N, C-alpha and C. Protein backbone atom coordinates (compact mmCIF):
# COMPACT_ATOMS: atom_id res chain seq x y z
N MET A 1 -49.48 -28.71 -20.59
CA MET A 1 -48.85 -27.51 -19.80
C MET A 1 -48.16 -26.63 -21.02
N ASP A 2 -48.59 -25.55 -20.74
CA ASP A 2 -47.74 -24.53 -21.55
C ASP A 2 -46.54 -23.79 -20.83
N GLN A 3 -45.41 -24.66 -21.02
CA GLN A 3 -44.36 -24.48 -19.83
C GLN A 3 -43.63 -22.59 -20.59
N GLU A 4 -43.66 -22.44 -21.77
CA GLU A 4 -43.40 -20.89 -21.99
C GLU A 4 -44.42 -19.83 -21.14
N LYS A 5 -45.43 -19.84 -20.99
CA LYS A 5 -46.22 -19.32 -20.45
C LYS A 5 -46.09 -19.45 -18.78
N ALA A 6 -45.80 -20.72 -18.33
CA ALA A 6 -45.38 -20.83 -16.96
C ALA A 6 -44.57 -20.22 -16.47
N ALA A 7 -43.50 -20.22 -17.42
CA ALA A 7 -42.18 -19.24 -16.87
C ALA A 7 -42.25 -17.74 -16.85
N GLN A 8 -43.35 -17.57 -17.33
CA GLN A 8 -43.52 -16.03 -17.42
C GLN A 8 -44.46 -15.74 -15.92
N GLY A 9 -45.05 -16.66 -15.38
CA GLY A 9 -45.99 -16.61 -14.25
C GLY A 9 -45.14 -16.61 -13.09
N PRO A 10 -45.92 -16.49 -11.64
CA PRO A 10 -45.21 -16.12 -10.59
C PRO A 10 -44.22 -16.84 -10.20
N PHE A 11 -44.46 -17.98 -10.44
CA PHE A 11 -43.22 -19.25 -9.74
C PHE A 11 -42.34 -19.37 -10.92
N GLY A 12 -42.17 -18.99 -11.86
CA GLY A 12 -41.20 -19.08 -13.13
C GLY A 12 -40.91 -20.30 -14.06
N THR A 13 -42.12 -21.16 -13.47
CA THR A 13 -41.85 -22.73 -14.16
C THR A 13 -43.57 -23.42 -14.11
N THR A 14 -43.48 -24.27 -14.39
CA THR A 14 -44.78 -25.11 -14.00
C THR A 14 -44.62 -25.60 -12.67
N ILE A 15 -45.48 -25.82 -11.97
CA ILE A 15 -45.99 -26.52 -10.52
C ILE A 15 -46.51 -27.36 -10.30
N ALA A 16 -46.40 -28.47 -9.31
CA ALA A 16 -47.40 -29.40 -9.16
C ALA A 16 -48.63 -28.78 -8.35
N HIS A 17 -50.07 -29.39 -8.39
CA HIS A 17 -51.00 -29.18 -7.48
C HIS A 17 -50.72 -29.67 -5.97
N GLY A 18 -51.30 -28.96 -4.96
CA GLY A 18 -51.08 -29.43 -3.78
C GLY A 18 -51.30 -30.49 -3.51
N PHE A 19 -52.42 -30.97 -3.84
CA PHE A 19 -53.12 -32.49 -3.59
C PHE A 19 -52.31 -33.13 -4.21
N LEU A 20 -51.84 -33.01 -5.37
CA LEU A 20 -51.05 -34.20 -6.02
C LEU A 20 -50.02 -34.37 -5.14
N THR A 21 -49.45 -33.69 -4.42
CA THR A 21 -48.10 -33.68 -3.61
C THR A 21 -48.61 -34.53 -2.35
N LEU A 22 -49.52 -34.16 -1.71
CA LEU A 22 -50.19 -34.61 -0.52
C LEU A 22 -50.29 -35.95 -0.78
N SER A 23 -51.07 -36.32 -2.20
CA SER A 23 -51.16 -37.87 -2.68
C SER A 23 -50.07 -38.87 -2.37
N LEU A 24 -48.64 -38.11 -2.56
CA LEU A 24 -47.59 -38.85 -2.27
C LEU A 24 -47.19 -39.19 -0.96
N VAL A 25 -47.88 -38.57 0.25
CA VAL A 25 -47.64 -39.27 1.53
C VAL A 25 -47.79 -40.16 1.89
N PRO A 26 -48.76 -40.74 1.65
CA PRO A 26 -48.93 -42.38 2.28
C PRO A 26 -48.01 -43.27 1.41
N MET A 27 -47.54 -43.27 0.27
CA MET A 27 -46.68 -44.11 -0.21
C MET A 27 -45.10 -43.91 0.26
N LEU A 28 -44.95 -42.53 0.41
CA LEU A 28 -43.41 -42.07 1.42
C LEU A 28 -43.42 -42.56 2.57
N ALA A 29 -44.70 -42.40 3.50
CA ALA A 29 -44.79 -42.64 4.96
C ALA A 29 -44.96 -44.20 4.93
N GLY A 30 -45.14 -45.16 3.81
CA GLY A 30 -45.32 -46.47 3.84
C GLY A 30 -44.03 -47.08 3.95
N GLU A 31 -42.96 -46.58 3.81
CA GLU A 31 -41.40 -47.08 3.79
C GLU A 31 -41.06 -47.16 5.23
N VAL A 32 -42.06 -46.16 6.27
CA VAL A 32 -41.52 -46.20 7.65
C VAL A 32 -42.54 -47.12 8.57
N TYR A 33 -43.75 -47.13 8.21
CA TYR A 33 -44.80 -48.09 9.02
C TYR A 33 -45.67 -48.63 8.04
N ALA A 34 -46.46 -49.60 8.48
CA ALA A 34 -47.45 -50.05 8.02
C ALA A 34 -48.83 -50.31 8.89
N VAL A 35 -50.00 -50.23 8.18
CA VAL A 35 -51.14 -50.27 8.97
C VAL A 35 -51.78 -51.70 8.43
N GLU A 36 -52.10 -52.85 9.09
CA GLU A 36 -52.30 -53.65 8.74
C GLU A 36 -53.85 -54.05 9.42
N GLY A 37 -55.06 -54.87 8.89
CA GLY A 37 -56.19 -55.57 9.46
C GLY A 37 -57.10 -54.26 9.51
N ILE A 38 -57.07 -53.22 8.53
CA ILE A 38 -58.43 -52.63 8.90
C ILE A 38 -59.17 -52.52 7.65
N ALA A 39 -60.41 -52.48 7.57
CA ALA A 39 -61.38 -52.30 6.36
C ALA A 39 -61.53 -51.10 5.80
N MET A 40 -61.36 -49.96 6.54
CA MET A 40 -61.73 -48.66 5.90
C MET A 40 -60.86 -47.66 6.54
N GLY A 41 -60.53 -46.60 6.00
CA GLY A 41 -59.95 -45.36 7.00
C GLY A 41 -60.67 -44.23 6.52
N ILE A 42 -60.41 -42.91 6.75
CA ILE A 42 -60.96 -41.99 6.62
C ILE A 42 -59.80 -40.79 6.72
N ASN A 43 -60.52 -39.85 6.12
CA ASN A 43 -59.38 -38.35 6.09
C ASN A 43 -59.75 -37.50 7.36
N TYR A 44 -58.81 -37.25 7.83
CA TYR A 44 -59.01 -36.59 9.30
C TYR A 44 -58.14 -35.40 9.48
N ARG A 45 -59.04 -34.19 9.25
CA ARG A 45 -58.40 -33.10 9.79
C ARG A 45 -57.80 -32.32 8.49
N ALA A 46 -58.27 -32.35 7.46
CA ALA A 46 -57.71 -31.75 6.07
C ALA A 46 -57.87 -30.45 6.30
N ASN A 47 -59.40 -29.94 7.32
CA ASN A 47 -59.44 -28.40 7.33
C ASN A 47 -57.78 -27.64 7.83
N ARG A 48 -57.37 -28.48 8.28
CA ARG A 48 -56.00 -27.88 9.08
C ARG A 48 -54.69 -28.12 7.94
N LEU A 49 -54.77 -28.62 7.09
CA LEU A 49 -53.64 -28.76 5.93
C LEU A 49 -53.28 -27.44 5.28
N ARG A 50 -51.98 -27.29 5.24
CA ARG A 50 -51.37 -26.14 4.55
C ARG A 50 -50.10 -26.33 3.42
N PHE A 51 -50.28 -25.71 2.45
CA PHE A 51 -49.12 -26.10 1.65
C PHE A 51 -48.17 -24.57 1.62
N PRO A 52 -47.18 -24.59 2.60
CA PRO A 52 -46.46 -23.45 2.52
C PRO A 52 -45.50 -23.27 1.69
N SER A 53 -45.34 -23.73 0.72
CA SER A 53 -44.42 -23.51 -0.84
C SER A 53 -45.07 -24.52 -1.96
N THR A 54 -44.65 -23.80 -3.13
CA THR A 54 -44.68 -24.81 -4.13
C THR A 54 -44.11 -25.74 -4.81
N VAL A 55 -44.34 -26.68 -5.21
CA VAL A 55 -43.29 -27.67 -5.46
C VAL A 55 -43.26 -27.48 -7.29
N PRO A 56 -42.04 -27.19 -7.78
CA PRO A 56 -41.71 -27.09 -9.13
C PRO A 56 -41.79 -28.43 -9.64
N ALA A 57 -42.35 -28.45 -11.07
CA ALA A 57 -42.24 -29.78 -11.78
C ALA A 57 -40.91 -30.25 -12.01
N GLY A 58 -40.70 -31.44 -11.36
CA GLY A 58 -39.43 -32.37 -11.54
C GLY A 58 -38.64 -31.99 -10.67
N SER A 59 -39.25 -31.65 -9.16
CA SER A 59 -38.49 -31.58 -7.93
C SER A 59 -38.53 -32.84 -7.20
N ARG A 60 -38.13 -33.19 -6.65
CA ARG A 60 -37.51 -34.31 -5.83
C ARG A 60 -38.66 -34.02 -4.53
N VAL A 61 -39.38 -35.24 -4.25
CA VAL A 61 -40.19 -34.79 -2.98
C VAL A 61 -39.84 -35.92 -2.28
N ARG A 62 -39.87 -35.77 -0.36
CA ARG A 62 -39.52 -36.29 0.84
C ARG A 62 -40.63 -35.84 1.58
N THR A 63 -40.70 -36.73 2.65
CA THR A 63 -41.49 -36.59 3.80
C THR A 63 -40.57 -36.95 5.19
N ASP A 64 -40.90 -36.35 6.28
CA ASP A 64 -40.46 -36.45 7.39
C ASP A 64 -41.28 -37.26 8.28
N VAL A 65 -41.31 -38.21 8.74
CA VAL A 65 -42.37 -39.10 9.74
C VAL A 65 -41.41 -39.54 10.85
N GLU A 66 -42.32 -39.07 12.18
CA GLU A 66 -41.85 -39.43 13.52
C GLU A 66 -42.88 -40.22 13.85
N LEU A 67 -42.70 -41.58 14.09
CA LEU A 67 -43.77 -42.25 14.81
C LEU A 67 -43.26 -42.08 16.42
N LEU A 68 -44.66 -41.44 16.70
CA LEU A 68 -44.51 -41.35 18.62
C LEU A 68 -44.87 -42.34 19.49
N ALA A 69 -45.99 -43.08 18.99
CA ALA A 69 -46.45 -44.08 19.89
C ALA A 69 -47.29 -45.37 19.44
N VAL A 70 -47.11 -46.43 19.57
CA VAL A 70 -48.24 -47.44 18.77
C VAL A 70 -48.98 -48.03 20.08
N GLU A 71 -50.22 -48.23 19.99
CA GLU A 71 -51.01 -48.39 21.18
C GLU A 71 -51.92 -49.42 20.30
N PRO A 72 -52.30 -50.65 20.98
CA PRO A 72 -53.75 -51.55 20.33
C PRO A 72 -54.82 -50.61 20.63
N SER A 73 -55.68 -50.95 19.53
CA SER A 73 -56.91 -50.30 19.81
C SER A 73 -58.10 -50.87 20.70
N GLY A 74 -57.65 -52.10 20.78
CA GLY A 74 -58.88 -53.40 21.31
C GLY A 74 -59.76 -53.88 20.49
N GLN A 75 -60.02 -53.13 19.45
CA GLN A 75 -61.06 -53.59 18.41
C GLN A 75 -60.31 -54.11 17.15
N GLY A 76 -60.75 -55.36 16.86
CA GLY A 76 -60.53 -56.07 15.98
C GLY A 76 -60.90 -55.54 14.66
N ALA A 77 -60.33 -56.19 13.14
CA ALA A 77 -60.79 -55.42 11.80
C ALA A 77 -62.53 -55.82 11.72
N ARG A 78 -63.09 -54.74 11.37
CA ARG A 78 -64.64 -55.07 11.27
C ARG A 78 -64.83 -55.63 9.60
N ARG A 79 -65.54 -56.48 9.23
CA ARG A 79 -65.70 -56.59 7.73
C ARG A 79 -67.03 -57.05 7.81
């Protein structure tokens, strides 16, 4: 990274890529809940994903998670 050139850009510093920031969410949310007994998962509704602001390099990142409900699926893990 060229920090001098980034300082002259529109954000005034280097910033993290949006998908890098997004990749931290499972780790942070994992402190709130755990999903067990599954063999595979899919990325669902990424088409509605938005990045409303930049994340300057070196920033602290946090997430806000609200667990609304837990319901058994009726299907066991398939392997």
